[in-house]
């Protein structure tokens, strides 16, 4: 149940965000969405996306985590959005490369590892779907419910 896995991660993270940061999640009130995932690895990816959002907020703003399904029910998506500083379009794919970072204290491994976990282990996709400088970013993880390996 992906709603529960994400929900546990959001609840854990919510206790650690500053008072000026609003963290929302839509999945707790939804019917369970069953997806073949490794819960520990997937939790790590969601937490990494939320940590990056928190860094982008610089202490104030909103992080929104949304889970949903495609009309055909074969695709499940998770989006982590923030109202932070945004990512220049030229970096939308570069942020997933090992070693790429805009942080003064960062190794540039979080998003590259997230991509490996989503694409290689879960056979899904991860990408920036929206980002505007000064307005925020949305990163979407897309998973196929019917993974036939």
C-alpha atoms as a PDB file:
ATOM      1  CA  UNK A   1       0.000   0.000   0.000  1.00  0.00           C
ATOM      2  CA  UNK A   2       1.926   2.979  -1.323  1.00  0.00           C
ATOM      3  CA  UNK A   3      -0.351   5.489   0.481  1.00  0.00           C
ATOM      4  CA  UNK A   4       0.710   4.044   3.822  1.00  0.00           C
ATOM      5  CA  UNK A   5       4.424   3.914   2.956  1.00  0.00           C
ATOM      6  CA  UNK A   6       4.377   7.568   1.888  1.00  0.00           C
ATOM      7  CA  UNK A   7       2.113   8.514   4.804  1.00  0.00           C
ATOM      8  CA  UNK A   8       4.542   7.042   7.342  1.00  0.00           C
ATOM      9  CA  UNK A   9       7.405   8.966   5.727  1.00  0.00           C
ATOM     10  CA  UNK A  10       5.423  12.228   5.697  1.00  0.00           C
ATOM     11  CA  UNK A  11       4.414  11.827   9.361  1.00  0.00           C
ATOM     12  CA  UNK A  12       8.019  11.113  10.337  1.00  0.00           C
ATOM     13  CA  UNK A  13       9.252  14.121   8.349  1.00  0.00           C
ATOM     14  CA  UNK A  14       6.487  16.441   9.594  1.00  0.00           C
ATOM     15  CA  UNK A  15       7.850  16.207  13.148  1.00  0.00           C
ATOM     16  CA  UNK A  16      11.204  17.504  11.898  1.00  0.00           C
ATOM     17  CA  UNK A  17      10.235  20.511   9.760  1.00  0.00           C
ATOM     18  CA  UNK A  18      10.363  24.095  11.045  1.00  0.00           C
ATOM     19  CA  UNK A  19       7.137  25.757  12.198  1.00  0.00           C
ATOM     20  CA  UNK A  20       7.069  28.036   9.110  1.00  0.00           C
ATOM     21  CA  UNK A  21       6.941  25.052   6.735  1.00  0.00           C
ATOM     22  CA  UNK A  22       3.574  23.539   5.849  1.00  0.00           C
ATOM     23  CA  UNK A  23       3.722  19.857   4.806  1.00  0.00           C
ATOM     24  CA  UNK A  24       0.605  18.342   3.215  1.00  0.00           C
ATOM     25  CA  UNK A  25      -0.219  14.855   1.932  1.00  0.00           C
ATOM     26  CA  UNK A  26      -3.381  13.722   0.124  1.00  0.00           C
ATOM     27  CA  UNK A  27      -2.963   9.954   0.398  1.00  0.00           C
ATOM     28  CA  UNK A  28      -4.180   9.210   3.899  1.00  0.00           C
ATOM     29  CA  UNK A  29      -7.846   9.810   3.023  1.00  0.00           C
ATOM     30  CA  UNK A  30      -7.716   7.706  -0.160  1.00  0.00           C
ATOM     31  CA  UNK A  31      -8.447   4.057  -0.824  1.00  0.00           C
ATOM     32  CA  UNK A  32      -5.265   1.958  -0.661  1.00  0.00           C
ATOM     33  CA  UNK A  33      -3.167   1.964  -3.827  1.00  0.00           C
ATOM     34  CA  UNK A  34      -1.287  -1.301  -4.175  1.00  0.00           C
ATOM     35  CA  UNK A  35       2.016  -1.139  -6.064  1.00  0.00           C
ATOM     36  CA  UNK A  36       4.925  -3.608  -6.104  1.00  0.00           C
ATOM     37  CA  UNK A  37       7.608  -1.551  -4.300  1.00  0.00           C
ATOM     38  CA  UNK A  38      10.450  -2.113  -1.908  1.00  0.00           C
ATOM     39  CA  UNK A  39       9.053  -0.065   0.987  1.00  0.00           C
ATOM     40  CA  UNK A  40      12.413   0.824   2.562  1.00  0.00           C
ATOM     41  CA  UNK A  41      13.971   2.016  -0.706  1.00  0.00           C
ATOM     42  CA  UNK A  42      10.842   3.882  -1.778  1.00  0.00           C
ATOM     43  CA  UNK A  43      10.580   5.607   1.626  1.00  0.00           C
ATOM     44  CA  UNK A  44      14.179   6.735   1.242  1.00  0.00           C
ATOM     45  CA  UNK A  45      13.412   8.286  -2.171  1.00  0.00           C
ATOM     46  CA  UNK A  46      10.345  10.160  -0.855  1.00  0.00           C
ATOM     47  CA  UNK A  47      12.291  11.374   2.176  1.00  0.00           C
ATOM     48  CA  UNK A  48      15.157  12.533  -0.051  1.00  0.00           C
ATOM     49  CA  UNK A  49      12.732  14.490  -2.256  1.00  0.00           C
ATOM     50  CA  UNK A  50      11.160  16.110   0.816  1.00  0.00           C
ATOM     51  CA  UNK A  51      14.614  16.990   2.233  1.00  0.00           C
ATOM     52  CA  UNK A  52      15.547  18.659  -1.052  1.00  0.00           C
ATOM     53  CA  UNK A  53      12.261  20.583  -0.978  1.00  0.00           C
ATOM     54  CA  UNK A  54      12.933  21.654   2.588  1.00  0.00           C
ATOM     55  CA  UNK A  55      16.383  22.931   1.582  1.00  0.00           C
ATOM     56  CA  UNK A  56      14.847  24.861  -1.331  1.00  0.00           C
ATOM     57  CA  UNK A  57      12.325  26.558   0.988  1.00  0.00           C
ATOM     58  CA  UNK A  58      15.050  28.153   3.102  1.00  0.00           C
ATOM     59  CA  UNK A  59      12.925  27.902   6.248  1.00  0.00           C
ATOM     60  CA  UNK A  60       9.523  29.018   4.991  1.00  0.00           C
ATOM     61  CA  UNK A  61       6.899  27.738   2.532  1.00  0.00           C
ATOM     62  CA  UNK A  62       4.952  24.631   1.566  1.00  0.00           C
ATOM     63  CA  UNK A  63       5.831  21.063   0.647  1.00  0.00           C
ATOM     64  CA  UNK A  64       2.977  19.105  -0.925  1.00  0.00           C
ATOM     65  CA  UNK A  65       3.103  15.341  -1.432  1.00  0.00           C
ATOM     66  CA  UNK A  66       0.463  13.919  -3.765  1.00  0.00           C
ATOM     67  CA  UNK A  67      -0.218  10.307  -4.735  1.00  0.00           C
ATOM     68  CA  UNK A  68      -2.597   9.343  -7.526  1.00  0.00           C
ATOM     69  CA  UNK A  69      -3.444   6.932 -10.312  1.00  0.00           C
ATOM     70  CA  UNK A  70      -3.882   7.268 -14.056  1.00  0.00           C
ATOM     71  CA  UNK A  71      -7.321   6.800 -15.563  1.00  0.00           C
ATOM     72  CA  UNK A  72      -6.328   3.302 -16.644  1.00  0.00           C
ATOM     73  CA  UNK A  73      -5.198   2.450 -13.077  1.00  0.00           C
ATOM     74  CA  UNK A  74      -1.984   0.928 -14.462  1.00  0.00           C
ATOM     75  CA  UNK A  75       0.137   3.992 -13.634  1.00  0.00           C
ATOM     76  CA  UNK A  76       0.679   5.330 -10.124  1.00  0.00           C
ATOM     77  CA  UNK A  77       2.391   8.658  -9.553  1.00  0.00           C
ATOM     78  CA  UNK A  78       3.833  10.469  -6.572  1.00  0.00           C
ATOM     79  CA  UNK A  79       4.608  14.164  -6.758  1.00  0.00           C
ATOM     80  CA  UNK A  80       6.635  16.195  -4.301  1.00  0.00           C
ATOM     81  CA  UNK A  81       6.136  19.927  -4.826  1.00  0.00           C
ATOM     82  CA  UNK A  82       7.524  22.926  -3.008  1.00  0.00           C
ATOM     83  CA  UNK A  83       7.260  26.704  -3.075  1.00  0.00           C
ATOM     84  CA  UNK A  84      11.040  27.077  -2.947  1.00  0.00           C
ATOM     85  CA  UNK A  85      13.665  28.731  -5.099  1.00  0.00           C
ATOM     86  CA  UNK A  86      13.111  26.612  -8.227  1.00  0.00           C
ATOM     87  CA  UNK A  87      15.489  24.937 -10.672  1.00  0.00           C
ATOM     88  CA  UNK A  88      16.645  26.514 -13.956  1.00  0.00           C
ATOM     89  CA  UNK A  89      15.315  24.506 -16.921  1.00  0.00           C
ATOM     90  CA  UNK A  90      18.895  23.844 -18.049  1.00  0.00           C
ATOM     91  CA  UNK A  91      19.408  21.783 -14.878  1.00  0.00           C
ATOM     92  CA  UNK A  92      16.179  19.731 -14.943  1.00  0.00           C
ATOM     93  CA  UNK A  93      17.990  16.583 -16.127  1.00  0.00           C
ATOM     94  CA  UNK A  94      21.419  17.448 -14.683  1.00  0.00           C
ATOM     95  CA  UNK A  95      20.110  17.289 -11.090  1.00  0.00           C
ATOM     96  CA  UNK A  96      19.863  13.498 -11.475  1.00  0.00           C
ATOM     97  CA  UNK A  97      23.541  13.123 -12.489  1.00  0.00           C
ATOM     98  CA  UNK A  98      25.962  11.812  -9.837  1.00  0.00           C
ATOM     99  CA  UNK A  99      27.988  14.635  -8.331  1.00  0.00           C
ATOM    100  CA  UNK A 100      25.730  17.471  -9.490  1.00  0.00           C
ATOM    101  CA  UNK A 101      24.754  19.774  -6.640  1.00  0.00           C
ATOM    102  CA  UNK A 102      23.875  23.393  -6.064  1.00  0.00           C
ATOM    103  CA  UNK A 103      24.349  23.071  -2.302  1.00  0.00           C
ATOM    104  CA  UNK A 104      27.486  24.228  -0.514  1.00  0.00           C
ATOM    105  CA  UNK A 105      27.319  21.118   1.679  1.00  0.00           C
ATOM    106  CA  UNK A 106      26.218  18.376  -0.669  1.00  0.00           C
ATOM    107  CA  UNK A 107      27.691  15.426  -2.491  1.00  0.00           C
ATOM    108  CA  UNK A 108      25.219  15.386  -5.369  1.00  0.00           C
ATOM    109  CA  UNK A 109      24.252  11.785  -4.727  1.00  0.00           C
ATOM    110  CA  UNK A 110      20.676  11.955  -3.391  1.00  0.00           C
ATOM    111  CA  UNK A 111      18.820  12.467  -6.669  1.00  0.00           C
ATOM    112  CA  UNK A 112      21.140  10.230  -8.687  1.00  0.00           C
ATOM    113  CA  UNK A 113      20.578   7.427  -6.184  1.00  0.00           C
ATOM    114  CA  UNK A 114      16.829   8.180  -6.191  1.00  0.00           C
ATOM    115  CA  UNK A 115      16.829   7.823  -9.977  1.00  0.00           C
ATOM    116  CA  UNK A 116      18.626   4.474  -9.795  1.00  0.00           C
ATOM    117  CA  UNK A 117      16.174   3.199  -7.166  1.00  0.00           C
ATOM    118  CA  UNK A 118      13.138   4.302  -9.201  1.00  0.00           C
ATOM    119  CA  UNK A 119      14.337   3.436 -12.718  1.00  0.00           C
ATOM    120  CA  UNK A 120      16.516   0.360 -12.215  1.00  0.00           C
ATOM    121  CA  UNK A 121      14.919  -1.287  -9.185  1.00  0.00           C
ATOM    122  CA  UNK A 122      11.260  -0.251  -9.585  1.00  0.00           C
ATOM    123  CA  UNK A 123      11.260   0.129 -13.421  1.00  0.00           C
ATOM    124  CA  UNK A 124       9.653   3.562 -13.033  1.00  0.00           C
ATOM    125  CA  UNK A 125      10.537   7.130 -13.953  1.00  0.00           C
ATOM    126  CA  UNK A 126      11.515  10.229 -12.003  1.00  0.00           C
ATOM    127  CA  UNK A 127      11.613  13.701 -13.491  1.00  0.00           C
ATOM    128  CA  UNK A 128      11.098  17.395 -12.877  1.00  0.00           C
ATOM    129  CA  UNK A 129       7.639  18.191 -14.267  1.00  0.00           C
ATOM    130  CA  UNK A 130       7.490  21.848 -13.237  1.00  0.00           C
ATOM    131  CA  UNK A 131       9.919  24.372 -11.875  1.00  0.00           C
ATOM    132  CA  UNK A 132       9.943  28.128 -11.896  1.00  0.00           C
ATOM    133  CA  UNK A 133      12.638  30.312 -10.383  1.00  0.00           C
ATOM    134  CA  UNK A 134      11.344  31.869  -7.176  1.00  0.00           C
ATOM    135  CA  UNK A 135       8.087  29.878  -7.271  1.00  0.00           C
ATOM    136  CA  UNK A 136       9.025  26.249  -6.689  1.00  0.00           C
ATOM    137  CA  UNK A 137       9.450  22.797  -8.152  1.00  0.00           C
ATOM    138  CA  UNK A 138       7.483  19.582  -8.690  1.00  0.00           C
ATOM    139  CA  UNK A 139       9.236  16.244  -9.102  1.00  0.00           C
ATOM    140  CA  UNK A 140       7.132  13.273 -10.210  1.00  0.00           C
ATOM    141  CA  UNK A 141       7.818   9.593  -9.656  1.00  0.00           C
ATOM    142  CA  UNK A 142       5.835   7.373 -12.031  1.00  0.00           C
ATOM    143  CA  UNK A 143       5.432   3.662 -11.377  1.00  0.00           C
ATOM    144  CA  UNK A 144       3.789   0.975 -13.496  1.00  0.00           C
ATOM    145  CA  UNK A 145       1.503  -1.126 -11.347  1.00  0.00           C
ATOM    146  CA  UNK A 146       1.959  -4.138 -13.648  1.00  0.00           C
ATOM    147  CA  UNK A 147       5.711  -4.613 -13.732  1.00  0.00           C
ATOM    148  CA  UNK A 148       6.522  -7.788 -15.639  1.00  0.00           C
ATOM    149  CA  UNK A 149      10.187  -8.606 -15.276  1.00  0.00           C
END
